[in-house]
Amino acid sequence: TGEMAKGNPENGISEEFASLKKDIESVDSKRETLIAQTREILKASKGAIYSLQRGDDKAAAAALAVLKPKIAALKTYSEDANYASVTKPPIQEYVEAACFSEFIATGKILPKKALGVSAENYIAGLCDLSGEIIRKAVNAAINDDTKTVVSAKTFVENLYYGLMQFDFRNGDLRRKFDGLKYDLKNMEDLLLSLKLQGK
């Protein structure tokens, strides 16, 4: 009877597994397409950040304008567990680049609603932003631009204290938030060094 059960075409297993195979292949195919797209977004976002660090705001603005609709297109997949691991890094890199551009232009934070991303991706991008602001501050310190260093430190400090109100459990956001705390300490050390030098 066991042999009969295995070969019984009415048990539905072969049909069900054929359907499952198609579903999995479809997800795999879409993931591969997204990986190719997200590589381009990551590269362009990093390029925008590099342009901002060099003072080429026009090149950064052009790159961000091209990226905005591409990020919007990823939103469909960013909340899907099948694709979240692929879509999170480029979205967060874009948030970092756009927020860095806003910081340089106005000294203020760019609201989440202006970016059209999830709260998690927005916060993660903001946490990563502190590293770029530190680089900007270090370059400013080299050029004896204490005003920029002070504004950078104030921004990172306000960002840190703002995010302290969230209860980040162990995971990616917790790790990024801990990195922000380390960045703030570096900013404080940089500013103290400048004060000790009388600048």
N, C-alpha and C. Protein backbone atom coordinates (compact mmCIF):
# COMPACT_ATOMS: atom_id res chain seq x y z
N THR A 1 0.82 -1.21 0.00
CA THR A 1 0.00 0.00 0.00
C THR A 1 0.84 1.26 0.00
N GLY A 2 2.03 1.18 0.64
CA GLY A 2 2.93 2.33 0.65
C GLY A 2 3.38 2.69 -0.73
N GLU A 3 3.69 1.63 -1.55
CA GLU A 3 4.12 1.88 -2.92
C GLU A 3 2.99 2.49 -3.73
N MET A 4 1.76 2.03 -3.47
CA MET A 4 0.61 2.55 -4.19
C MET A 4 0.40 4.02 -3.87
N ALA A 5 0.60 4.39 -2.58
CA ALA A 5 0.40 5.78 -2.16
C ALA A 5 1.40 6.70 -2.85
N LYS A 6 2.64 6.19 -2.97
CA LYS A 6 3.68 7.01 -3.62
C LYS A 6 3.34 7.30 -5.08
N GLY A 7 2.79 6.31 -5.72
CA GLY A 7 2.52 6.47 -7.14
C GLY A 7 1.13 6.95 -7.46
N ASN A 8 0.34 7.23 -6.46
CA ASN A 8 -1.05 7.65 -6.67
C ASN A 8 -1.10 9.06 -7.27
N PRO A 9 -1.56 9.21 -8.50
CA PRO A 9 -1.58 10.54 -9.12
C PRO A 9 -2.63 11.46 -8.50
N GLU A 10 -3.48 10.92 -7.65
CA GLU A 10 -4.55 11.72 -7.07
C GLU A 10 -4.14 12.40 -5.75
N ASN A 11 -2.93 12.10 -5.25
CA ASN A 11 -2.56 12.69 -3.95
C ASN A 11 -2.20 14.18 -4.04
N GLY A 12 -2.03 14.71 -5.23
CA GLY A 12 -1.86 16.16 -5.42
C GLY A 12 -0.47 16.70 -5.15
N ILE A 13 0.43 15.84 -4.72
CA ILE A 13 1.76 16.33 -4.34
C ILE A 13 2.53 16.86 -5.55
N SER A 14 2.53 16.14 -6.64
CA SER A 14 3.31 16.58 -7.80
C SER A 14 2.80 17.92 -8.33
N GLU A 15 1.47 18.09 -8.36
CA GLU A 15 0.91 19.35 -8.84
C GLU A 15 1.26 20.50 -7.90
N GLU A 16 1.14 20.24 -6.59
CA GLU A 16 1.44 21.28 -5.61
C GLU A 16 2.89 21.71 -5.67
N PHE A 17 3.79 20.71 -5.79
CA PHE A 17 5.21 21.03 -5.82
C PHE A 17 5.63 21.69 -7.12
N ALA A 18 4.94 21.38 -8.19
CA ALA A 18 5.22 22.06 -9.46
C ALA A 18 4.86 23.54 -9.35
N SER A 19 3.75 23.81 -8.65
CA SER A 19 3.33 25.20 -8.43
C SER A 19 4.31 25.93 -7.52
N LEU A 20 4.74 25.24 -6.46
CA LEU A 20 5.71 25.83 -5.53
C LEU A 20 7.03 26.17 -6.24
N LYS A 21 7.46 25.25 -7.12
CA LYS A 21 8.70 25.46 -7.85
C LYS A 21 8.61 26.72 -8.71
N LYS A 22 7.46 26.90 -9.37
CA LYS A 22 7.25 28.10 -10.18
C LYS A 22 7.31 29.36 -9.33
N ASP A 23 6.67 29.32 -8.16
CA ASP A 23 6.67 30.48 -7.25
C ASP A 23 8.08 30.84 -6.83
N ILE A 24 8.84 29.83 -6.44
CA ILE A 24 10.21 30.07 -5.96
C ILE A 24 11.10 30.58 -7.09
N GLU A 25 10.93 30.01 -8.27
CA GLU A 25 11.72 30.46 -9.42
C GLU A 25 11.37 31.90 -9.79
N SER A 26 10.10 32.27 -9.63
CA SER A 26 9.66 33.64 -9.92
C SER A 26 10.30 34.63 -8.94
N VAL A 27 10.30 34.25 -7.65
CA VAL A 27 10.92 35.11 -6.63
C VAL A 27 12.42 35.24 -6.88
N ASP A 28 13.07 34.11 -7.18
CA ASP A 28 14.51 34.14 -7.45
C ASP A 28 14.84 35.02 -8.66
N SER A 29 14.02 34.92 -9.69
CA SER A 29 14.25 35.72 -10.89
C SER A 29 14.08 37.21 -10.59
N LYS A 30 13.05 37.54 -9.84
CA LYS A 30 12.81 38.95 -9.49
C LYS A 30 13.93 39.47 -8.60
N ARG A 31 14.39 38.62 -7.68
CA ARG A 31 15.47 39.04 -6.78
C ARG A 31 16.73 39.35 -7.57
N GLU A 32 17.05 38.52 -8.56
CA GLU A 32 18.23 38.76 -9.39
C GLU A 32 18.11 40.08 -10.16
N THR A 33 16.91 40.36 -10.66
CA THR A 33 16.67 41.63 -11.36
C THR A 33 16.86 42.80 -10.41
N LEU A 34 16.32 42.68 -9.19
CA LEU A 34 16.43 43.74 -8.19
C LEU A 34 17.89 43.95 -7.76
N ILE A 35 18.63 42.86 -7.64
CA ILE A 35 20.05 42.97 -7.25
C ILE A 35 20.81 43.82 -8.27
N ALA A 36 20.54 43.59 -9.55
CA ALA A 36 21.19 44.38 -10.60
C ALA A 36 20.79 45.85 -10.49
N GLN A 37 19.51 46.11 -10.25
CA GLN A 37 19.03 47.49 -10.13
C GLN A 37 19.61 48.17 -8.88
N THR A 38 19.64 47.43 -7.79
CA THR A 38 20.10 48.03 -6.54
C THR A 38 21.60 48.33 -6.55
N ARG A 39 22.36 47.54 -7.31
CA ARG A 39 23.79 47.84 -7.45
C ARG A 39 23.98 49.23 -8.06
N GLU A 40 23.18 49.53 -9.07
CA GLU A 40 23.26 50.83 -9.73
C GLU A 40 22.87 51.95 -8.76
N ILE A 41 21.83 51.71 -7.96
CA ILE A 41 21.37 52.73 -7.01
C ILE A 41 22.42 52.97 -5.94
N LEU A 42 23.01 51.89 -5.43
CA LEU A 42 24.07 52.03 -4.42
C LEU A 42 25.25 52.83 -4.97
N LYS A 43 25.65 52.49 -6.19
CA LYS A 43 26.79 53.18 -6.82
C LYS A 43 26.49 54.66 -7.01
N ALA A 44 25.29 54.98 -7.50
CA ALA A 44 24.92 56.38 -7.74
C ALA A 44 24.78 57.15 -6.43
N SER A 45 24.25 56.52 -5.39
CA SER A 45 24.12 57.18 -4.09
C SER A 45 25.49 57.48 -3.49
N LYS A 46 26.38 56.50 -3.58
CA LYS A 46 27.75 56.71 -3.08
C LYS A 46 28.44 57.81 -3.89
N GLY A 47 28.16 57.84 -5.19
CA GLY A 47 28.72 58.89 -6.04
C GLY A 47 28.22 60.26 -5.65
N ALA A 48 26.94 60.35 -5.29
CA ALA A 48 26.37 61.63 -4.84
C ALA A 48 27.04 62.09 -3.55
N ILE A 49 27.25 61.15 -2.64
CA ILE A 49 27.92 61.49 -1.37
C ILE A 49 29.35 61.96 -1.63
N TYR A 50 30.04 61.27 -2.51
CA TYR A 50 31.42 61.65 -2.86
C TYR A 50 31.44 63.06 -3.46
N SER A 51 30.48 63.36 -4.32
CA SER A 51 30.39 64.70 -4.92
C SER A 51 30.15 65.76 -3.84
N LEU A 52 29.28 65.45 -2.89
CA LEU A 52 29.00 66.39 -1.80
C LEU A 52 30.23 66.64 -0.94
N GLN A 53 31.00 65.59 -0.68
CA GLN A 53 32.23 65.75 0.11
C GLN A 53 33.25 66.62 -0.62
N ARG A 54 33.22 66.60 -1.96
CA ARG A 54 34.15 67.40 -2.76
C ARG A 54 33.61 68.80 -3.05
N GLY A 55 32.38 69.07 -2.60
CA GLY A 55 31.80 70.38 -2.82
C GLY A 55 31.10 70.53 -4.16
N ASP A 56 30.89 69.41 -4.86
CA ASP A 56 30.21 69.46 -6.15
C ASP A 56 28.72 69.19 -5.94
N ASP A 57 28.02 70.20 -5.44
CA ASP A 57 26.60 70.05 -5.09
C ASP A 57 25.72 69.81 -6.32
N LYS A 58 26.10 70.40 -7.46
CA LYS A 58 25.29 70.24 -8.68
C LYS A 58 25.28 68.80 -9.16
N ALA A 59 26.44 68.17 -9.16
CA ALA A 59 26.54 66.76 -9.59
C ALA A 59 25.73 65.87 -8.65
N ALA A 60 25.81 66.18 -7.35
CA ALA A 60 25.06 65.40 -6.36
C ALA A 60 23.56 65.56 -6.56
N ALA A 61 23.12 66.79 -6.79
CA ALA A 61 21.70 67.06 -7.00
C ALA A 61 21.18 66.34 -8.24
N ALA A 62 21.97 66.32 -9.30
CA ALA A 62 21.57 65.64 -10.53
C ALA A 62 21.43 64.14 -10.29
N ALA A 63 22.38 63.57 -9.55
CA ALA A 63 22.33 62.13 -9.25
C ALA A 63 21.12 61.79 -8.39
N LEU A 64 20.84 62.62 -7.40
CA LEU A 64 19.71 62.37 -6.50
C LEU A 64 18.38 62.49 -7.23
N ALA A 65 18.30 63.41 -8.19
CA ALA A 65 17.07 63.58 -8.97
C ALA A 65 16.77 62.34 -9.80
N VAL A 66 17.81 61.74 -10.35
CA VAL A 66 17.65 60.51 -11.15
C VAL A 66 17.27 59.34 -10.25
N LEU A 67 17.81 59.34 -9.04
CA LEU A 67 17.58 58.23 -8.11
C LEU A 67 16.17 58.21 -7.51
N LYS A 68 15.57 59.38 -7.35
CA LYS A 68 14.29 59.46 -6.64
C LYS A 68 13.22 58.52 -7.21
N PRO A 69 12.96 58.52 -8.53
CA PRO A 69 11.95 57.59 -9.06
C PRO A 69 12.37 56.12 -8.94
N LYS A 70 13.67 55.86 -8.97
CA LYS A 70 14.14 54.47 -8.83
C LYS A 70 13.87 53.96 -7.42
N ILE A 71 14.04 54.84 -6.44
CA ILE A 71 13.75 54.47 -5.04
C ILE A 71 12.25 54.25 -4.88
N ALA A 72 11.45 55.09 -5.50
CA ALA A 72 9.99 54.94 -5.44
C ALA A 72 9.57 53.59 -6.02
N ALA A 73 10.24 53.16 -7.09
CA ALA A 73 9.92 51.88 -7.72
C ALA A 73 10.27 50.70 -6.81
N LEU A 74 11.27 50.87 -5.95
CA LEU A 74 11.67 49.80 -5.03
C LEU A 74 10.68 49.64 -3.88
N LYS A 75 9.88 50.66 -3.62
CA LYS A 75 8.98 50.64 -2.46
C LYS A 75 8.03 49.44 -2.49
N THR A 76 7.63 49.04 -3.69
CA THR A 76 6.73 47.89 -3.85
C THR A 76 7.32 46.63 -3.22
N TYR A 77 8.64 46.52 -3.28
CA TYR A 77 9.31 45.30 -2.83
C TYR A 77 9.95 45.43 -1.44
N SER A 78 10.12 46.67 -0.95
CA SER A 78 10.88 46.89 0.28
C SER A 78 10.21 46.32 1.52
N GLU A 79 8.87 46.16 1.48
CA GLU A 79 8.16 45.61 2.64
C GLU A 79 7.88 44.11 2.48
N ASP A 80 8.34 43.54 1.38
CA ASP A 80 8.13 42.11 1.11
C ASP A 80 9.32 41.34 1.66
N ALA A 81 9.06 40.36 2.51
CA ALA A 81 10.14 39.60 3.15
C ALA A 81 11.05 38.92 2.13
N ASN A 82 10.51 38.61 0.94
CA ASN A 82 11.33 37.96 -0.09
C ASN A 82 12.42 38.88 -0.63
N TYR A 83 12.20 40.19 -0.54
CA TYR A 83 13.11 41.14 -1.20
C TYR A 83 13.71 42.19 -0.25
N ALA A 84 13.28 42.22 0.99
CA ALA A 84 13.72 43.28 1.91
C ALA A 84 15.23 43.33 2.06
N SER A 85 15.88 42.16 2.13
CA SER A 85 17.34 42.15 2.31
C SER A 85 18.07 42.74 1.12
N VAL A 86 17.43 42.70 -0.05
CA VAL A 86 18.02 43.25 -1.27
C VAL A 86 17.77 44.76 -1.37
N THR A 87 16.56 45.18 -0.96
CA THR A 87 16.17 46.58 -1.16
C THR A 87 16.61 47.53 -0.04
N LYS A 88 16.81 47.00 1.16
CA LYS A 88 17.17 47.88 2.29
C LYS A 88 18.47 48.67 2.07
N PRO A 89 19.59 48.02 1.72
CA PRO A 89 20.85 48.77 1.58
C PRO A 89 20.79 49.94 0.61
N PRO A 90 20.25 49.78 -0.62
CA PRO A 90 20.22 50.93 -1.53
C PRO A 90 19.29 52.04 -1.07
N ILE A 91 18.16 51.67 -0.46
CA ILE A 91 17.23 52.69 0.04
C ILE A 91 17.90 53.48 1.15
N GLN A 92 18.57 52.79 2.06
CA GLN A 92 19.23 53.46 3.18
C GLN A 92 20.39 54.33 2.70
N GLU A 93 21.10 53.87 1.68
CA GLU A 93 22.20 54.67 1.11
C GLU A 93 21.65 55.94 0.46
N TYR A 94 20.51 55.80 -0.22
CA TYR A 94 19.87 56.96 -0.83
C TYR A 94 19.42 57.96 0.24
N VAL A 95 18.83 57.47 1.32
CA VAL A 95 18.41 58.33 2.44
C VAL A 95 19.63 59.09 2.97
N GLU A 96 20.72 58.37 3.15
CA GLU A 96 21.96 58.99 3.65
C GLU A 96 22.42 60.11 2.72
N ALA A 97 22.43 59.83 1.42
CA ALA A 97 22.88 60.82 0.44
C ALA A 97 21.96 62.03 0.40
N ALA A 98 20.64 61.79 0.36
CA ALA A 98 19.68 62.90 0.29
C ALA A 98 19.73 63.75 1.56
N CYS A 99 19.85 63.09 2.70
CA CYS A 99 19.91 63.83 3.98
C CYS A 99 21.23 64.59 4.12
N PHE A 100 22.29 64.03 3.59
CA PHE A 100 23.58 64.72 3.61
C PHE A 100 23.52 65.98 2.75
N SER A 101 22.87 65.87 1.60
CA SER A 101 22.68 67.02 0.72
C SER A 101 21.90 68.12 1.43
N GLU A 102 20.84 67.72 2.13
CA GLU A 102 20.02 68.69 2.86
C GLU A 102 20.80 69.34 4.00
N PHE A 103 21.60 68.54 4.70
CA PHE A 103 22.42 69.09 5.79
C PHE A 103 23.39 70.14 5.26
N ILE A 104 24.04 69.85 4.15
CA ILE A 104 24.99 70.80 3.57
C ILE A 104 24.28 72.07 3.11
N ALA A 105 23.10 71.90 2.52
CA ALA A 105 22.37 73.06 1.98
C ALA A 105 21.73 73.92 3.05
N THR A 106 21.16 73.28 4.09
CA THR A 106 20.36 74.03 5.07
C THR A 106 20.79 73.82 6.52
N GLY A 107 21.56 72.76 6.78
CA GLY A 107 21.91 72.44 8.16
C GLY A 107 20.79 71.73 8.90
N LYS A 108 19.74 71.36 8.16
CA LYS A 108 18.57 70.75 8.80
C LYS A 108 18.39 69.30 8.35
N ILE A 109 17.46 68.64 9.02
CA ILE A 109 17.13 67.26 8.69
C ILE A 109 16.11 67.25 7.55
N LEU A 110 16.23 66.27 6.67
CA LEU A 110 15.26 66.10 5.58
C LEU A 110 14.15 65.18 6.08
N PRO A 111 12.89 65.62 6.06
CA PRO A 111 11.79 64.81 6.61
C PRO A 111 11.59 63.50 5.85
N LYS A 112 11.12 62.50 6.55
CA LYS A 112 10.84 61.19 5.95
C LYS A 112 9.86 61.30 4.80
N LYS A 113 8.85 62.15 4.95
CA LYS A 113 7.81 62.26 3.91
C LYS A 113 8.37 62.78 2.59
N ALA A 114 9.49 63.50 2.66
CA ALA A 114 10.11 64.00 1.43
C ALA A 114 10.81 62.89 0.65
N LEU A 115 11.06 61.77 1.33
CA LEU A 115 11.80 60.67 0.71
C LEU A 115 10.91 59.50 0.33
N GLY A 116 9.75 59.38 0.99
CA GLY A 116 8.83 58.28 0.66
C GLY A 116 9.37 56.90 0.99
N VAL A 117 10.05 56.78 2.13
CA VAL A 117 10.61 55.49 2.55
C VAL A 117 10.02 55.09 3.89
N SER A 118 10.26 53.86 4.30
CA SER A 118 9.74 53.38 5.58
C SER A 118 10.50 54.04 6.74
N ALA A 119 9.90 54.01 7.91
CA ALA A 119 10.54 54.59 9.11
C ALA A 119 11.87 53.89 9.40
N GLU A 120 11.90 52.57 9.24
CA GLU A 120 13.12 51.81 9.52
C GLU A 120 14.26 52.22 8.58
N ASN A 121 13.96 52.30 7.29
CA ASN A 121 15.00 52.68 6.33
C ASN A 121 15.43 54.13 6.51
N TYR A 122 14.50 54.97 6.89
CA TYR A 122 14.81 56.38 7.14
C TYR A 122 15.76 56.52 8.33
N ILE A 123 15.44 55.87 9.43
CA ILE A 123 16.27 55.95 10.63
C ILE A 123 17.65 55.34 10.37
N ALA A 124 17.68 54.21 9.67
CA ALA A 124 18.97 53.58 9.36
C ALA A 124 19.85 54.51 8.53
N GLY A 125 19.24 55.18 7.54
CA GLY A 125 19.98 56.13 6.72
C GLY A 125 20.49 57.31 7.52
N LEU A 126 19.68 57.78 8.46
CA LEU A 126 20.09 58.89 9.32
C LEU A 126 21.26 58.49 10.20
N CYS A 127 21.23 57.27 10.73
CA CYS A 127 22.34 56.81 11.57
C CYS A 127 23.64 56.76 10.76
N ASP A 128 23.55 56.29 9.51
CA ASP A 128 24.74 56.23 8.65
C ASP A 128 25.24 57.63 8.28
N LEU A 129 24.33 58.59 8.25
CA LEU A 129 24.66 59.97 7.87
C LEU A 129 25.75 60.56 8.75
N SER A 130 25.77 60.18 10.02
CA SER A 130 26.73 60.78 10.95
C SER A 130 28.18 60.58 10.50
N GLY A 131 28.45 59.44 9.87
CA GLY A 131 29.82 59.18 9.39
C GLY A 131 30.25 60.17 8.32
N GLU A 132 29.32 60.52 7.42
CA GLU A 132 29.64 61.49 6.38
C GLU A 132 29.79 62.90 6.95
N ILE A 133 28.98 63.21 7.96
CA ILE A 133 29.07 64.53 8.59
C ILE A 133 30.41 64.67 9.31
N ILE A 134 30.87 63.58 9.91
CA ILE A 134 32.19 63.61 10.56
C ILE A 134 33.28 63.89 9.53
N ARG A 135 33.20 63.20 8.39
CA ARG A 135 34.20 63.44 7.34
C ARG A 135 34.20 64.90 6.89
N LYS A 136 33.01 65.45 6.77
CA LYS A 136 32.87 66.87 6.40
C LYS A 136 33.50 67.76 7.47
N ALA A 137 33.26 67.40 8.73
CA ALA A 137 33.79 68.19 9.84
C ALA A 137 35.32 68.11 9.91
N VAL A 138 35.86 66.94 9.66
CA VAL A 138 37.33 66.77 9.68
C VAL A 138 37.97 67.63 8.59
N ASN A 139 37.36 67.61 7.39
CA ASN A 139 37.88 68.45 6.31
C ASN A 139 37.77 69.94 6.65
N ALA A 140 36.68 70.30 7.34
CA ALA A 140 36.50 71.69 7.77
C ALA A 140 37.57 72.06 8.79
N ALA A 141 37.86 71.13 9.71
CA ALA A 141 38.88 71.39 10.74
C ALA A 141 40.25 71.60 10.11
N ILE A 142 40.55 70.81 9.08
CA ILE A 142 41.83 70.95 8.38
C ILE A 142 41.95 72.35 7.77
N ASN A 143 40.81 72.91 7.34
CA ASN A 143 40.79 74.25 6.74
C ASN A 143 40.48 75.34 7.77
N ASP A 144 40.61 75.00 9.05
CA ASP A 144 40.37 75.96 10.15
C ASP A 144 38.95 76.54 10.13
N ASP A 145 37.99 75.76 9.65
CA ASP A 145 36.59 76.19 9.60
C ASP A 145 35.85 75.64 10.83
N THR A 146 36.07 76.28 11.95
CA THR A 146 35.49 75.82 13.22
C THR A 146 33.97 75.91 13.22
N LYS A 147 33.43 76.91 12.52
CA LYS A 147 31.98 77.09 12.48
C LYS A 147 31.28 75.84 11.93
N THR A 148 31.83 75.27 10.86
CA THR A 148 31.24 74.07 10.26
C THR A 148 31.37 72.89 11.20
N VAL A 149 32.49 72.80 11.90
CA VAL A 149 32.69 71.71 12.87
C VAL A 149 31.65 71.79 13.98
N VAL A 150 31.41 73.00 14.48
CA VAL A 150 30.43 73.19 15.57
C VAL A 150 29.03 72.83 15.09
N SER A 151 28.66 73.28 13.90
CA SER A 151 27.31 72.98 13.39
C SER A 151 27.15 71.48 13.14
N ALA A 152 28.21 70.83 12.67
CA ALA A 152 28.17 69.38 12.44
C ALA A 152 28.00 68.63 13.75
N LYS A 153 28.75 69.06 14.76
CA LYS A 153 28.66 68.40 16.07
C LYS A 153 27.28 68.59 16.67
N THR A 154 26.72 69.77 16.54
CA THR A 154 25.38 70.06 17.07
C THR A 154 24.33 69.20 16.38
N PHE A 155 24.46 69.05 15.06
CA PHE A 155 23.51 68.24 14.30
C PHE A 155 23.56 66.78 14.75
N VAL A 156 24.77 66.22 14.83
CA VAL A 156 24.93 64.81 15.22
C VAL A 156 24.44 64.61 16.66
N GLU A 157 24.73 65.57 17.52
CA GLU A 157 24.29 65.49 18.92
C GLU A 157 22.75 65.49 19.00
N ASN A 158 22.11 66.40 18.26
CA ASN A 158 20.65 66.47 18.26
C ASN A 158 20.04 65.20 17.67
N LEU A 159 20.70 64.68 16.65
CA LEU A 159 20.24 63.44 16.03
C LEU A 159 20.32 62.29 17.03
N TYR A 160 21.42 62.22 17.74
CA TYR A 160 21.61 61.16 18.74
C TYR A 160 20.56 61.24 19.84
N TYR A 161 20.37 62.43 20.39
CA TYR A 161 19.40 62.57 21.49
C TYR A 161 17.97 62.36 20.99
N GLY A 162 17.71 62.72 19.74
CA GLY A 162 16.39 62.46 19.17
C GLY A 162 16.10 60.97 19.05
N LEU A 163 17.12 60.22 18.62
CA LEU A 163 16.95 58.78 18.42
C LEU A 163 16.98 58.00 19.74
N MET A 164 17.46 58.63 20.79
CA MET A 164 17.49 57.96 22.09
C MET A 164 16.10 57.61 22.60
N GLN A 165 15.09 58.32 22.12
CA GLN A 165 13.72 58.05 22.59
C GLN A 165 13.15 56.75 22.03
N PHE A 166 13.84 56.16 21.02
CA PHE A 166 13.39 54.90 20.45
C PHE A 166 14.02 53.72 21.19
N ASP A 167 13.27 52.64 21.29
CA ASP A 167 13.77 51.43 21.94
C ASP A 167 14.24 50.46 20.85
N PHE A 168 15.49 50.62 20.44
CA PHE A 168 16.03 49.75 19.40
C PHE A 168 16.47 48.43 20.01
N ARG A 169 15.84 47.34 19.59
CA ARG A 169 16.23 46.02 20.06
C ARG A 169 17.48 45.58 19.30
N ASN A 170 18.05 44.49 19.73
CA ASN A 170 19.24 43.98 19.04
C ASN A 170 18.93 43.75 17.57
N GLY A 171 19.81 44.17 16.72
CA GLY A 171 19.60 44.04 15.28
C GLY A 171 20.30 45.16 14.55
N ASP A 172 19.92 45.33 13.29
CA ASP A 172 20.60 46.29 12.42
C ASP A 172 20.47 47.72 12.92
N LEU A 173 19.26 48.12 13.31
CA LEU A 173 19.06 49.49 13.78
C LEU A 173 19.83 49.76 15.07
N ARG A 174 19.87 48.78 15.96
CA ARG A 174 20.62 48.94 17.21
C ARG A 174 22.11 49.15 16.92
N ARG A 175 22.62 48.34 16.00
CA ARG A 175 24.04 48.44 15.64
C ARG A 175 24.35 49.80 15.03
N LYS A 176 23.45 50.27 14.15
CA LYS A 176 23.66 51.57 13.52
C LYS A 176 23.57 52.70 14.55
N PHE A 177 22.64 52.59 15.48
CA PHE A 177 22.50 53.61 16.52
C PHE A 177 23.74 53.64 17.40
N ASP A 178 24.28 52.49 17.74
CA ASP A 178 25.52 52.44 18.53
C ASP A 178 26.67 53.08 17.78
N GLY A 179 26.68 52.93 16.45
CA GLY A 179 27.70 53.58 15.63
C GLY A 179 27.57 55.09 15.67
N LEU A 180 26.33 55.57 15.71
CA LEU A 180 26.07 57.01 15.81
C LEU A 180 26.63 57.56 17.12
N LYS A 181 26.47 56.80 18.20
CA LYS A 181 27.00 57.21 19.50
C LYS A 181 28.53 57.35 19.44
N TYR A 182 29.17 56.43 18.75
CA TYR A 182 30.62 56.46 18.58
C TYR A 182 31.03 57.67 17.74
N ASP A 183 30.24 57.97 16.70
CA ASP A 183 30.52 59.13 15.84
C ASP A 183 30.42 60.43 16.64
N LEU A 184 29.42 60.51 17.52
CA LEU A 184 29.26 61.71 18.35
C LEU A 184 30.47 61.91 19.25
N LYS A 185 30.98 60.83 19.81
CA LYS A 185 32.17 60.91 20.66
C LYS A 185 33.35 61.44 19.85
N ASN A 186 33.49 60.97 18.62
CA ASN A 186 34.57 61.46 17.75
C ASN A 186 34.42 62.95 17.45
N MET A 187 33.18 63.39 17.25
CA MET A 187 32.91 64.81 17.00
C MET A 187 33.30 65.65 18.21
N GLU A 188 32.95 65.17 19.39
CA GLU A 188 33.28 65.89 20.62
C GLU A 188 34.79 66.00 20.80
N ASP A 189 35.49 64.91 20.49
CA ASP A 189 36.96 64.90 20.59
C ASP A 189 37.58 65.88 19.60
N LEU A 190 37.03 65.93 18.39
CA LEU A 190 37.54 66.83 17.36
C LEU A 190 37.35 68.28 17.79
N LEU A 191 36.19 68.60 18.32
CA LEU A 191 35.91 69.97 18.74
C LEU A 191 36.78 70.36 19.92
N LEU A 192 36.97 69.44 20.86
CA LEU A 192 37.84 69.70 22.01
C LEU A 192 39.26 69.98 21.55
N SER A 193 39.72 69.21 20.58
CA SER A 193 41.08 69.39 20.04
C SER A 193 41.24 70.79 19.45
N LEU A 194 40.21 71.23 18.72
CA LEU A 194 40.27 72.57 18.12
C LEU A 194 40.28 73.66 19.19
N LYS A 195 39.50 73.46 20.24
CA LYS A 195 39.45 74.45 21.33
C LYS A 195 40.78 74.53 22.06
N LEU A 196 41.39 73.39 22.24
CA LEU A 196 42.70 73.35 22.92
C LEU A 196 43.78 74.03 22.07
N GLN A 197 43.54 74.05 20.75
CA GLN A 197 44.48 74.74 19.86
C GLN A 197 44.14 76.22 19.72
N GLY A 198 43.07 76.61 20.40
CA GLY A 198 42.67 78.04 20.37
C GLY A 198 41.96 78.43 19.10
N LYS A 199 41.30 77.48 18.43
CA LYS A 199 40.61 77.78 17.18
C LYS A 199 39.10 77.84 17.40
